[in-house]
């Protein structure tokens, strides 16, 4: 399976799990979930690196903790772009943290399976 599709599915699964664990993360339908995962993936590929470079001094001073704010901004942009995908109130940072951890954890198992194929 191409890496893009795999990452897209992992992001969608992470959003599903985040909506299960957090009351503030909601999506209307499966199509909304798929679009939110696609938009979040594209924003993480295009906008997030720019934000990371622009906020590098703050990130260094905070020893990387400011990356949570960058992740929350990309999640906010995703919620603003995709109708039906909503995050309530101040849940952006917690949702960004949870989606990041879940994506990392799921990718850990996927990478382990990819290594076994070779």
PDB file of N, CA and C in Angstrom:
ATOM      1  N   UNK A   1       0.855  -1.177   0.000  1.00  0.00           N
ATOM      2  CA  UNK A   1       0.000   0.000   0.000  1.00  0.00           C
ATOM      3  C   UNK A   1       0.902   1.242   0.000  1.00  0.00           C
ATOM      4  N   UNK A   2       0.601   2.232  -0.831  1.00  0.00           N
ATOM      5  CA  UNK A   2       1.428   3.444  -0.855  1.00  0.00           C
ATOM      6  C   UNK A   2       1.451   4.137   0.508  1.00  0.00           C
ATOM      7  N   UNK A   3       2.576   4.764   0.791  1.00  0.00           N
ATOM      8  CA  UNK A   3       2.745   5.408   2.096  1.00  0.00           C
ATOM      9  C   UNK A   3       1.711   6.498   2.347  1.00  0.00           C
ATOM     10  N   UNK A   4       1.326   7.235   1.298  1.00  0.00           N
ATOM     11  CA  UNK A   4       0.359   8.310   1.469  1.00  0.00           C
ATOM     12  C   UNK A   4      -0.981   7.757   1.946  1.00  0.00           C
ATOM     13  N   UNK A   5      -1.427   6.678   1.329  1.00  0.00           N
ATOM     14  CA  UNK A   5      -2.705   6.077   1.717  1.00  0.00           C
ATOM     15  C   UNK A   5      -2.619   5.529   3.135  1.00  0.00           C
ATOM     16  N   UNK A   6      -1.497   4.926   3.459  1.00  0.00           N
ATOM     17  CA  UNK A   6      -1.311   4.396   4.815  1.00  0.00           C
ATOM     18  C   UNK A   6      -1.362   5.511   5.839  1.00  0.00           C
ATOM     19  N   UNK A   7      -0.672   6.594   5.584  1.00  0.00           N
ATOM     20  CA  UNK A   7      -0.681   7.719   6.529  1.00  0.00           C
ATOM     21  C   UNK A   7      -2.063   8.351   6.623  1.00  0.00           C
ATOM     22  N   UNK A   8      -2.776   8.386   5.503  1.00  0.00           N
ATOM     23  CA  UNK A   8      -4.129   8.916   5.482  1.00  0.00           C
ATOM     24  C   UNK A   8      -5.037   8.076   6.378  1.00  0.00           C
ATOM     25  N   UNK A   9      -4.943   6.762   6.262  1.00  0.00           N
ATOM     26  CA  UNK A   9      -5.746   5.869   7.101  1.00  0.00           C
ATOM     27  C   UNK A   9      -5.350   5.958   8.572  1.00  0.00           C
ATOM     28  N   UNK A  10      -4.060   6.094   8.828  1.00  0.00           N
ATOM     29  CA  UNK A  10      -3.591   6.231  10.210  1.00  0.00           C
ATOM     30  C   UNK A  10      -4.120   7.523  10.826  1.00  0.00           C
ATOM     31  N   UNK A  11      -4.089   8.617  10.064  1.00  0.00           N
ATOM     32  CA  UNK A  11      -4.616   9.883  10.562  1.00  0.00           C
ATOM     33  C   UNK A  11      -6.109   9.783  10.827  1.00  0.00           C
ATOM     34  N   UNK A  12      -6.839   9.126   9.928  1.00  0.00           N
ATOM     35  CA  UNK A  12      -8.280   8.938  10.127  1.00  0.00           C
ATOM     36  C   UNK A  12      -8.542   8.112  11.375  1.00  0.00           C
ATOM     37  N   UNK A  13      -7.777   7.059  11.576  1.00  0.00           N
ATOM     38  CA  UNK A  13      -7.942   6.239  12.780  1.00  0.00           C
ATOM     39  C   UNK A  13      -7.616   7.033  14.037  1.00  0.00           C
ATOM     40  N   UNK A  14      -6.584   7.862  13.972  1.00  0.00           N
ATOM     41  CA  UNK A  14      -6.222   8.695  15.126  1.00  0.00           C
ATOM     42  C   UNK A  14      -7.335   9.700  15.441  1.00  0.00           C
ATOM     43  N   UNK A  15      -7.970  10.258  14.417  1.00  0.00           N
ATOM     44  CA  UNK A  15      -9.076  11.198  14.644  1.00  0.00           C
ATOM     45  C   UNK A  15     -10.272  10.461  15.254  1.00  0.00           C
ATOM     46  N   UNK A  16     -10.549   9.245  14.764  1.00  0.00           N
ATOM     47  CA  UNK A  16     -11.640   8.450  15.347  1.00  0.00           C
ATOM     48  C   UNK A  16     -11.375   8.191  16.823  1.00  0.00           C
ATOM     49  N   UNK A  17     -10.169   7.769  17.148  1.00  0.00           N
ATOM     50  CA  UNK A  17      -9.833   7.486  18.550  1.00  0.00           C
ATOM     51  C   UNK A  17      -9.872   8.750  19.394  1.00  0.00           C
ATOM     52  N   UNK A  18      -9.423   9.871  18.837  1.00  0.00           N
ATOM     53  CA  UNK A  18      -9.473  11.135  19.576  1.00  0.00           C
ATOM     54  C   UNK A  18     -10.913  11.539  19.847  1.00  0.00           C
ATOM     55  N   UNK A  19     -11.807  11.325  18.878  1.00  0.00           N
ATOM     56  CA  UNK A  19     -13.216  11.665  19.111  1.00  0.00           C
ATOM     57  C   UNK A  19     -13.842  10.719  20.130  1.00  0.00           C
ATOM     58  N   UNK A  20     -13.326   9.496  20.207  1.00  0.00           N
ATOM     59  CA  UNK A  20     -13.826   8.550  21.204  1.00  0.00           C
ATOM     60  C   UNK A  20     -13.390   8.947  22.612  1.00  0.00           C
ATOM     61  N   UNK A  21     -12.137   9.376  22.755  1.00  0.00           N
ATOM     62  CA  UNK A  21     -11.591   9.710  24.066  1.00  0.00           C
ATOM     63  C   UNK A  21     -11.920  11.131  24.524  1.00  0.00           C
ATOM     64  N   UNK A  22     -12.172  12.038  23.572  1.00  0.00           N
ATOM     65  CA  UNK A  22     -12.427  13.436  23.921  1.00  0.00           C
ATOM     66  C   UNK A  22     -13.808  13.850  23.440  1.00  0.00           C
ATOM     67  N   UNK A  23     -14.570  14.460  24.318  1.00  0.00           N
ATOM     68  CA  UNK A  23     -15.919  14.897  23.950  1.00  0.00           C
ATOM     69  C   UNK A  23     -15.883  16.096  23.002  1.00  0.00           C
ATOM     70  N   UNK A  24     -14.803  16.848  22.973  1.00  0.00           N
ATOM     71  CA  UNK A  24     -14.726  18.056  22.170  1.00  0.00           C
ATOM     72  C   UNK A  24     -14.408  17.842  20.707  1.00  0.00           C
ATOM     73  N   UNK A  25     -14.024  16.624  20.311  1.00  0.00           N
ATOM     74  CA  UNK A  25     -13.676  16.330  18.928  1.00  0.00           C
ATOM     75  C   UNK A  25     -14.852  15.587  18.302  1.00  0.00           C
ATOM     76  N   UNK A  26     -15.418  16.176  17.230  1.00  0.00           N
ATOM     77  CA  UNK A  26     -16.600  15.574  16.608  1.00  0.00           C
ATOM     78  C   UNK A  26     -16.510  15.680  15.092  1.00  0.00           C
ATOM     79  N   UNK A  27     -17.065  14.684  14.420  1.00  0.00           N
ATOM     80  CA  UNK A  27     -17.209  14.741  12.968  1.00  0.00           C
ATOM     81  C   UNK A  27     -18.577  14.184  12.617  1.00  0.00           C
ATOM     82  N   UNK A  28     -19.166  14.706  11.534  1.00  0.00           N
ATOM     83  CA  UNK A  28     -20.540  14.373  11.178  1.00  0.00           C
ATOM     84  C   UNK A  28     -20.698  13.015  10.514  1.00  0.00           C
ATOM     85  N   UNK A  29     -19.787  12.678   9.606  1.00  0.00           N
ATOM     86  CA  UNK A  29     -19.965  11.450   8.825  1.00  0.00           C
ATOM     87  C   UNK A  29     -18.605  10.855   8.488  1.00  0.00           C
ATOM     88  N   UNK A  30     -18.644   9.701   7.866  1.00  0.00           N
ATOM     89  CA  UNK A  30     -17.401   9.050   7.444  1.00  0.00           C
ATOM     90  C   UNK A  30     -16.696   9.882   6.375  1.00  0.00           C
ATOM     91  N   UNK A  31     -17.474  10.509   5.496  1.00  0.00           N
ATOM     92  CA  UNK A  31     -16.875  11.374   4.472  1.00  0.00           C
ATOM     93  C   UNK A  31     -16.156  12.557   5.118  1.00  0.00           C
ATOM     94  N   UNK A  32     -16.764  13.147   6.140  1.00  0.00           N
ATOM     95  CA  UNK A  32     -16.132  14.247   6.862  1.00  0.00           C
ATOM     96  C   UNK A  32     -14.837  13.790   7.509  1.00  0.00           C
ATOM     97  N   UNK A  33     -14.850  12.594   8.073  1.00  0.00           N
ATOM     98  CA  UNK A  33     -13.648  12.037   8.687  1.00  0.00           C
ATOM     99  C   UNK A  33     -12.544  11.857   7.659  1.00  0.00           C
ATOM    100  N   UNK A  34     -12.875  11.309   6.505  1.00  0.00           N
ATOM    101  CA  UNK A  34     -11.892  11.086   5.453  1.00  0.00           C
ATOM    102  C   UNK A  34     -11.339  12.416   4.952  1.00  0.00           C
ATOM    103  N   UNK A  35     -12.202  13.397   4.769  1.00  0.00           N
ATOM    104  CA  UNK A  35     -11.749  14.716   4.310  1.00  0.00           C
ATOM    105  C   UNK A  35     -10.886  15.403   5.368  1.00  0.00           C
ATOM    106  N   UNK A  36     -11.271  15.268   6.638  1.00  0.00           N
ATOM    107  CA  UNK A  36     -10.466  15.867   7.712  1.00  0.00           C
ATOM    108  C   UNK A  36      -9.084  15.230   7.760  1.00  0.00           C
ATOM    109  N   UNK A  37      -9.015  13.922   7.594  1.00  0.00           N
ATOM    110  CA  UNK A  37      -7.720  13.238   7.589  1.00  0.00           C
ATOM    111  C   UNK A  37      -6.880  13.676   6.393  1.00  0.00           C
ATOM    112  N   UNK A  38      -7.521  13.841   5.243  1.00  0.00           N
ATOM    113  CA  UNK A  38      -6.805  14.289   4.045  1.00  0.00           C
ATOM    114  C   UNK A  38      -6.280  15.710   4.209  1.00  0.00           C
ATOM    115  N   UNK A  39      -7.140  16.603   4.675  1.00  0.00           N
ATOM    116  CA  UNK A  39      -6.736  18.002   4.857  1.00  0.00           C
ATOM    117  C   UNK A  39      -5.654  18.113   5.927  1.00  0.00           C
ATOM    118  N   UNK A  40      -5.800  17.375   7.024  1.00  0.00           N
ATOM    119  CA  UNK A  40      -4.787  17.410   8.084  1.00  0.00           C
ATOM    120  C   UNK A  40      -3.452  16.888   7.561  1.00  0.00           C
ATOM    121  N   UNK A  41      -3.497  15.839   6.761  1.00  0.00           N
ATOM    122  CA  UNK A  41      -2.266  15.317   6.169  1.00  0.00           C
ATOM    123  C   UNK A  41      -1.606  16.320   5.241  1.00  0.00           C
ATOM    124  N   UNK A  42      -2.412  16.982   4.413  1.00  0.00           N
ATOM    125  CA  UNK A  42      -1.857  17.992   3.508  1.00  0.00           C
ATOM    126  C   UNK A  42      -1.301  19.192   4.267  1.00  0.00           C
ATOM    127  N   UNK A  43      -2.017  19.630   5.297  1.00  0.00           N
ATOM    128  CA  UNK A  43      -1.516  20.745   6.101  1.00  0.00           C
ATOM    129  C   UNK A  43      -0.238  20.366   6.837  1.00  0.00           C
ATOM    130  N   UNK A  44      -0.167  19.130   7.311  1.00  0.00           N
ATOM    131  CA  UNK A  44       1.052  18.677   7.986  1.00  0.00           C
ATOM    132  C   UNK A  44       2.223  18.588   7.016  1.00  0.00           C
ATOM    133  N   UNK A  45       1.936  18.339   5.748  1.00  0.00           N
ATOM    134  CA  UNK A  45       2.998  18.236   4.758  1.00  0.00           C
ATOM    135  C   UNK A  45       3.431  19.594   4.216  1.00  0.00           C
ATOM    136  N   UNK A  46       2.503  20.559   4.168  1.00  0.00           N
ATOM    137  CA  UNK A  46       2.806  21.850   3.530  1.00  0.00           C
ATOM    138  C   UNK A  46       2.973  22.980   4.541  1.00  0.00           C
ATOM    139  N   UNK A  47       1.979  23.184   5.389  1.00  0.00           N
ATOM    140  CA  UNK A  47       1.966  24.342   6.289  1.00  0.00           C
ATOM    141  C   UNK A  47       2.816  24.109   7.538  1.00  0.00           C
ATOM    142  N   UNK A  48       2.747  22.912   8.113  1.00  0.00           N
ATOM    143  CA  UNK A  48       3.450  22.647   9.362  1.00  0.00           C
ATOM    144  C   UNK A  48       4.966  22.882   9.266  1.00  0.00           C
ATOM    145  N   UNK A  49       5.653  22.433   8.198  1.00  0.00           N
ATOM    146  CA  UNK A  49       7.091  22.718   8.131  1.00  0.00           C
ATOM    147  C   UNK A  49       7.409  24.206   8.103  1.00  0.00           C
ATOM    148  N   UNK A  50       6.557  24.979   7.455  1.00  0.00           N
ATOM    149  CA  UNK A  50       6.764  26.434   7.426  1.00  0.00           C
ATOM    150  C   UNK A  50       6.603  27.010   8.822  1.00  0.00           C
ATOM    151  N   UNK A  51       5.556  26.564   9.536  1.00  0.00           N
ATOM    152  CA  UNK A  51       5.339  27.043  10.904  1.00  0.00           C
ATOM    153  C   UNK A  51       6.472  26.614  11.831  1.00  0.00           C
ATOM    154  N   UNK A  52       6.978  25.418  11.632  1.00  0.00           N
ATOM    155  CA  UNK A  52       8.081  24.935  12.477  1.00  0.00           C
ATOM    156  C   UNK A  52       9.319  25.799  12.278  1.00  0.00           C
ATOM    157  N   UNK A  53       9.625  26.146  11.041  1.00  0.00           N
ATOM    158  CA  UNK A  53      10.796  26.988  10.764  1.00  0.00           C
ATOM    159  C   UNK A  53      10.591  28.391  11.337  1.00  0.00           C
ATOM    160  N   UNK A  54       9.391  28.946  11.150  1.00  0.00           N
ATOM    161  CA  UNK A  54       9.127  30.294  11.649  1.00  0.00           C
ATOM    162  C   UNK A  54       9.156  30.381  13.174  1.00  0.00           C
ATOM    163  N   UNK A  55       8.775  29.309  13.835  1.00  0.00           N
ATOM    164  CA  UNK A  55       8.725  29.324  15.305  1.00  0.00           C
ATOM    165  C   UNK A  55       9.905  28.596  15.941  1.00  0.00           C
ATOM    166  N   UNK A  56      10.945  28.347  15.167  1.00  0.00           N
ATOM    167  CA  UNK A  56      12.092  27.601  15.683  1.00  0.00           C
ATOM    168  C   UNK A  56      12.717  28.218  16.935  1.00  0.00           C
ATOM    169  N   UNK A  57      12.912  29.549  17.025  1.00  0.00           N
ATOM    170  CA  UNK A  57      13.484  30.099  18.256  1.00  0.00           C
ATOM    171  C   UNK A  57      12.616  29.827  19.492  1.00  0.00           C
ATOM    172  N   UNK A  58      11.305  29.984  19.354  1.00  0.00           N
ATOM    173  CA  UNK A  58      10.409  29.713  20.488  1.00  0.00           C
ATOM    174  C   UNK A  58      10.439  28.232  20.838  1.00  0.00           C
ATOM    175  N   UNK A  59      10.486  27.386  19.826  1.00  0.00           N
ATOM    176  CA  UNK A  59      10.525  25.943  20.052  1.00  0.00           C
ATOM    177  C   UNK A  59      11.800  25.543  20.783  1.00  0.00           C
ATOM    178  N   UNK A  60      12.906  26.166  20.423  1.00  0.00           N
ATOM    179  CA  UNK A  60      14.167  25.844  21.096  1.00  0.00           C
ATOM    180  C   UNK A  60      14.157  26.301  22.545  1.00  0.00           C
ATOM    181  N   UNK A  61      13.590  27.475  22.803  1.00  0.00           N
ATOM    182  CA  UNK A  61      13.539  27.985  24.172  1.00  0.00           C
ATOM    183  C   UNK A  61      12.645  27.104  25.042  1.00  0.00           C
ATOM    184  N   UNK A  62      11.551  26.608  24.466  1.00  0.00           N
ATOM    185  CA  UNK A  62      10.618  25.780  25.233  1.00  0.00           C
ATOM    186  C   UNK A  62      10.952  24.294  25.150  1.00  0.00           C
ATOM    187  N   UNK A  63      12.097  23.969  24.579  1.00  0.00           N
ATOM    188  CA  UNK A  63      12.580  22.596  24.450  1.00  0.00           C
ATOM    189  C   UNK A  63      11.598  21.701  23.701  1.00  0.00           C
ATOM    190  N   UNK A  64      10.960  22.260  22.685  1.00  0.00           N
ATOM    191  CA  UNK A  64      10.085  21.495  21.821  1.00  0.00           C
ATOM    192  C   UNK A  64       8.620  21.494  22.196  1.00  0.00           C
ATOM    193  N   UNK A  65       8.282  22.014  23.361  1.00  0.00           N
ATOM    194  CA  UNK A  65       6.893  22.015  23.807  1.00  0.00           C
ATOM    195  C   UNK A  65       6.024  22.883  22.900  1.00  0.00           C
ATOM    196  N   UNK A  66       6.598  23.911  22.289  1.00  0.00           N
ATOM    197  CA  UNK A  66       5.824  24.797  21.424  1.00  0.00           C
ATOM    198  C   UNK A  66       5.313  24.080  20.177  1.00  0.00           C
ATOM    199  N   UNK A  67       5.888  22.927  19.851  1.00  0.00           N
ATOM    200  CA  UNK A  67       5.389  22.160  18.712  1.00  0.00           C
ATOM    201  C   UNK A  67       3.942  21.721  18.925  1.00  0.00           C
ATOM    202  N   UNK A  68       3.519  21.614  20.179  1.00  0.00           N
ATOM    203  CA  UNK A  68       2.109  21.327  20.460  1.00  0.00           C
ATOM    204  C   UNK A  68       1.211  22.440  19.945  1.00  0.00           C
ATOM    205  N   UNK A  69       1.676  23.670  20.083  1.00  0.00           N
ATOM    206  CA  UNK A  69       0.908  24.813  19.581  1.00  0.00           C
ATOM    207  C   UNK A  69       0.860  24.769  18.052  1.00  0.00           C
ATOM    208  N   UNK A  70       1.969  24.415  17.418  1.00  0.00           N
ATOM    209  CA  UNK A  70       1.996  24.303  15.956  1.00  0.00           C
ATOM    210  C   UNK A  70       1.032  23.213  15.503  1.00  0.00           C
ATOM    211  N   UNK A  71       1.032  22.077  16.185  1.00  0.00           N
ATOM    212  CA  UNK A  71       0.094  20.999  15.856  1.00  0.00           C
ATOM    213  C   UNK A  71      -1.351  21.445  16.084  1.00  0.00           C
ATOM    214  N   UNK A  72      -1.589  22.204  17.141  1.00  0.00           N
ATOM    215  CA  UNK A  72      -2.938  22.702  17.409  1.00  0.00           C
ATOM    216  C   UNK A  72      -3.387  23.678  16.326  1.00  0.00           C
ATOM    217  N   UNK A  73      -2.467  24.480  15.814  1.00  0.00           N
ATOM    218  CA  UNK A  73      -2.807  25.422  14.740  1.00  0.00           C
ATOM    219  C   UNK A  73      -3.197  24.664  13.476  1.00  0.00           C
ATOM    220  N   UNK A  74      -2.458  23.617  13.135  1.00  0.00           N
ATOM    221  CA  UNK A  74      -2.821  22.837  11.950  1.00  0.00           C
ATOM    222  C   UNK A  74      -4.158  22.130  12.157  1.00  0.00           C
ATOM    223  N   UNK A  75      -4.433  21.700  13.357  1.00  0.00           N
ATOM    224  CA  UNK A  75      -5.733  21.087  13.649  1.00  0.00           C
ATOM    225  C   UNK A  75      -6.852  22.118  13.571  1.00  0.00           C
ATOM    226  N   UNK A  76      -6.581  23.328  14.047  1.00  0.00           N
ATOM    227  CA  UNK A  76      -7.562  24.414  13.950  1.00  0.00           C
ATOM    228  C   UNK A  76      -7.856  24.753  12.496  1.00  0.00           C
ATOM    229  N   UNK A  77      -6.799  24.823  11.679  1.00  0.00           N
ATOM    230  CA  UNK A  77      -6.992  25.084  10.252  1.00  0.00           C
ATOM    231  C   UNK A  77      -7.818  23.975   9.595  1.00  0.00           C
ATOM    232  N   UNK A  78      -7.566  22.741   9.987  1.00  0.00           N
ATOM    233  CA  UNK A  78      -8.345  21.624   9.453  1.00  0.00           C
ATOM    234  C   UNK A  78      -9.814  21.766   9.818  1.00  0.00           C
ATOM    235  N   UNK A  79     -10.093  22.102  11.073  1.00  0.00           N
ATOM    236  CA  UNK A  79     -11.482  22.279  11.509  1.00  0.00           C
ATOM    237  C   UNK A  79     -12.131  23.471  10.810  1.00  0.00           C
ATOM    238  N   UNK A  80     -11.347  24.489  10.476  1.00  0.00           N
ATOM    239  CA  UNK A  80     -11.891  25.644   9.775  1.00  0.00           C
ATOM    240  C   UNK A  80     -12.177  25.344   8.310  1.00  0.00           C
ATOM    241  N   UNK A  81     -11.403  24.446   7.706  1.00  0.00           N
ATOM    242  CA  UNK A  81     -11.560  24.133   6.291  1.00  0.00           C
ATOM    243  C   UNK A  81     -12.650  23.081   6.056  1.00  0.00           C
ATOM    244  N   UNK A  82     -12.695  22.052   6.891  1.00  0.00           N
ATOM    245  CA  UNK A  82     -13.603  20.927   6.659  1.00  0.00           C
ATOM    246  C   UNK A  82     -14.917  21.158   7.407  1.00  0.00           C
ATOM    247  N   UNK A  83     -16.019  21.340   6.668  1.00  0.00           N
ATOM    248  CA  UNK A  83     -17.308  21.496   7.347  1.00  0.00           C
ATOM    249  C   UNK A  83     -17.741  20.156   7.953  1.00  0.00           C
ATOM    250  N   UNK A  84     -18.242  20.222   9.179  1.00  0.00           N
ATOM    251  CA  UNK A  84     -18.679  19.008   9.859  1.00  0.00           C
ATOM    252  C   UNK A  84     -17.637  18.430  10.793  1.00  0.00           C
ATOM    253  N   UNK A  85     -16.403  18.933  10.727  1.00  0.00           N
ATOM    254  CA  UNK A  85     -15.351  18.513  11.647  1.00  0.00           C
ATOM    255  C   UNK A  85     -15.152  19.643  12.638  1.00  0.00           C
ATOM    256  N   UNK A  86     -15.468  19.368  13.898  1.00  0.00           N
ATOM    257  CA  UNK A  86     -15.440  20.423  14.909  1.00  0.00           C
ATOM    258  C   UNK A  86     -14.639  20.005  16.134  1.00  0.00           C
ATOM    259  N   UNK A  87     -13.951  20.986  16.683  1.00  0.00           N
ATOM    260  CA  UNK A  87     -13.255  20.814  17.953  1.00  0.00           C
ATOM    261  C   UNK A  87     -13.683  21.968  18.823  1.00  0.00           C
ATOM    262  N   UNK A  88     -14.211  21.643  19.979  1.00  0.00           N
ATOM    263  CA  UNK A  88     -14.800  22.663  20.849  1.00  0.00           C
ATOM    264  C   UNK A  88     -13.770  23.301  21.772  1.00  0.00           C
ATOM    265  N   UNK A  89     -13.933  24.595  21.966  1.00  0.00           N
ATOM    266  CA  UNK A  89     -13.199  25.351  22.980  1.00  0.00           C
ATOM    267  C   UNK A  89     -11.698  25.210  22.943  1.00  0.00           C
ATOM    268  N   UNK A  90     -11.141  24.917  24.086  1.00  0.00           N
ATOM    269  CA  UNK A  90      -9.691  24.844  24.235  1.00  0.00           C
ATOM    270  C   UNK A  90      -9.168  23.428  24.037  1.00  0.00           C
ATOM    271  N   UNK A  91      -9.930  22.593  23.404  1.00  0.00           N
ATOM    272  CA  UNK A  91      -9.531  21.199  23.201  1.00  0.00           C
ATOM    273  C   UNK A  91      -8.493  21.019  22.108  1.00  0.00           C
ATOM    274  N   UNK A  92      -8.142  22.076  21.396  1.00  0.00           N
ATOM    275  CA  UNK A  92      -7.219  21.945  20.268  1.00  0.00           C
ATOM    276  C   UNK A  92      -5.865  21.385  20.681  1.00  0.00           C
ATOM    277  N   UNK A  93      -5.302  21.895  21.749  1.00  0.00           N
ATOM    278  CA  UNK A  93      -3.976  21.423  22.160  1.00  0.00           C
ATOM    279  C   UNK A  93      -4.045  19.982  22.639  1.00  0.00           C
ATOM    280  N   UNK A  94      -5.076  19.648  23.418  1.00  0.00           N
ATOM    281  CA  UNK A  94      -5.215  18.273  23.903  1.00  0.00           C
ATOM    282  C   UNK A  94      -5.502  17.321  22.758  1.00  0.00           C
ATOM    283  N   UNK A  95      -6.348  17.749  21.825  1.00  0.00           N
ATOM    284  CA  UNK A  95      -6.653  16.912  20.656  1.00  0.00           C
ATOM    285  C   UNK A  95      -5.412  16.739  19.792  1.00  0.00           C
ATOM    286  N   UNK A  96      -4.645  17.808  19.603  1.00  0.00           N
ATOM    287  CA  UNK A  96      -3.412  17.717  18.817  1.00  0.00           C
ATOM    288  C   UNK A  96      -2.421  16.766  19.484  1.00  0.00           C
ATOM    289  N   UNK A  97      -2.307  16.846  20.795  1.00  0.00           N
ATOM    290  CA  UNK A  97      -1.414  15.947  21.526  1.00  0.00           C
ATOM    291  C   UNK A  97      -1.869  14.502  21.383  1.00  0.00           C
ATOM    292  N   UNK A  98      -3.160  14.274  21.549  1.00  0.00           N
ATOM    293  CA  UNK A  98      -3.689  12.916  21.455  1.00  0.00           C
ATOM    294  C   UNK A  98      -3.553  12.354  20.040  1.00  0.00           C
ATOM    295  N   UNK A  99      -3.880  13.142  19.025  1.00  0.00           N
ATOM    296  CA  UNK A  99      -3.761  12.668  17.641  1.00  0.00           C
ATOM    297  C   UNK A  99      -2.298  12.411  17.286  1.00  0.00           C
ATOM    298  N   UNK A 100      -1.390  13.248  17.755  1.00  0.00           N
ATOM    299  CA  UNK A 100       0.035  13.046  17.504  1.00  0.00           C
ATOM    300  C   UNK A 100       0.526  11.760  18.144  1.00  0.00           C
ATOM    301  N   UNK A 101       0.156  11.535  19.395  1.00  0.00           N
ATOM    302  CA  UNK A 101       0.592  10.322  20.099  1.00  0.00           C
ATOM    303  C   UNK A 101      -0.006   9.080  19.456  1.00  0.00           C
ATOM    304  N   UNK A 102      -1.298   9.130  19.139  1.00  0.00           N
ATOM    305  CA  UNK A 102      -1.943   7.973  18.515  1.00  0.00           C
ATOM    306  C   UNK A 102      -1.365   7.678  17.144  1.00  0.00           C
ATOM    307  N   UNK A 103      -1.123   8.714  16.345  1.00  0.00           N
ATOM    308  CA  UNK A 103      -0.522   8.509  15.025  1.00  0.00           C
ATOM    309  C   UNK A 103       0.873   7.917  15.143  1.00  0.00           C
ATOM    310  N   UNK A 104       1.638   8.421  16.085  1.00  0.00           N
ATOM    311  CA  UNK A 104       2.991   7.898  16.293  1.00  0.00           C
ATOM    312  C   UNK A 104       2.936   6.427  16.699  1.00  0.00           C
ATOM    313  N   UNK A 105       2.032   6.100  17.610  1.00  0.00           N
ATOM    314  CA  UNK A 105       1.914   4.737  18.111  1.00  0.00           C
ATOM    315  C   UNK A 105       1.464   3.777  17.004  1.00  0.00           C
ATOM    316  N   UNK A 106       0.479   4.185  16.212  1.00  0.00           N
ATOM    317  CA  UNK A 106      -0.001   3.339  15.114  1.00  0.00           C
ATOM    318  C   UNK A 106       1.086   3.188  14.053  1.00  0.00           C
ATOM    319  N   UNK A 107       1.768   4.272  13.730  1.00  0.00           N
ATOM    320  CA  UNK A 107       2.866   4.205  12.752  1.00  0.00           C
ATOM    321  C   UNK A 107       4.000   3.311  13.223  1.00  0.00           C
ATOM    322  N   UNK A 108       4.199   3.237  14.523  1.00  0.00           N
ATOM    323  CA  UNK A 108       5.236   2.377  15.082  1.00  0.00           C
ATOM    324  C   UNK A 108       4.979   0.927  14.688  1.00  0.00           C
ATOM    325  N   UNK A 109       3.738   0.481  14.782  1.00  0.00           N
ATOM    326  CA  UNK A 109       3.404  -0.882  14.393  1.00  0.00           C
ATOM    327  C   UNK A 109       3.429  -1.081  12.886  1.00  0.00           C
ATOM    328  N   UNK A 110       3.023  -0.072  12.132  1.00  0.00           N
ATOM    329  CA  UNK A 110       3.031  -0.190  10.677  1.00  0.00           C
ATOM    330  C   UNK A 110       4.458  -0.270  10.162  1.00  0.00           C
ATOM    331  N   UNK A 111       5.340   0.536  10.698  1.00  0.00           N
ATOM    332  CA  UNK A 111       6.741   0.492  10.272  1.00  0.00           C
ATOM    333  C   UNK A 111       7.364  -0.857  10.612  1.00  0.00           C
ATOM    334  N   UNK A 112       6.973  -1.425  11.748  1.00  0.00           N
ATOM    335  CA  UNK A 112       7.494  -2.723  12.133  1.00  0.00           C
ATOM    336  C   UNK A 112       7.047  -3.790  11.128  1.00  0.00           C
ATOM    337  N   UNK A 113       5.797  -3.693  10.661  1.00  0.00           N
ATOM    338  CA  UNK A 113       5.300  -4.631   9.653  1.00  0.00           C
ATOM    339  C   UNK A 113       5.999  -4.415   8.312  1.00  0.00           C
ATOM    340  N   UNK A 114       6.299  -3.162   7.945  1.00  0.00           N
ATOM    341  CA  UNK A 114       6.999  -2.892   6.687  1.00  0.00           C
ATOM    342  C   UNK A 114       8.401  -3.462   6.707  1.00  0.00           C
ATOM    343  N   UNK A 115       9.061  -3.423   7.858  1.00  0.00           N
ATOM    344  CA  UNK A 115      10.406  -3.972   7.969  1.00  0.00           C
ATOM    345  C   UNK A 115      10.396  -5.480   7.795  1.00  0.00           C
ATOM    346  N   UNK A 116       9.331  -6.142   8.213  1.00  0.00           N
ATOM    347  CA  UNK A 116       9.251  -7.596   8.093  1.00  0.00           C
ATOM    348  C   UNK A 116       9.061  -8.031   6.647  1.00  0.00           C
ATOM    349  N   UNK A 117       8.491  -7.171   5.814  1.00  0.00           N
ATOM    350  CA  UNK A 117       8.259  -7.534   4.421  1.00  0.00           C
ATOM    351  C   UNK A 117       9.557  -7.682   3.650  1.00  0.00           C
ATOM    352  N   UNK A 118      10.566  -6.940   3.985  1.00  0.00           N
ATOM    353  CA  UNK A 118      11.815  -6.992   3.239  1.00  0.00           C
ATOM    354  C   UNK A 118      12.607  -8.136   3.760  1.00  0.00           C
TER     355      UNK A 118
END
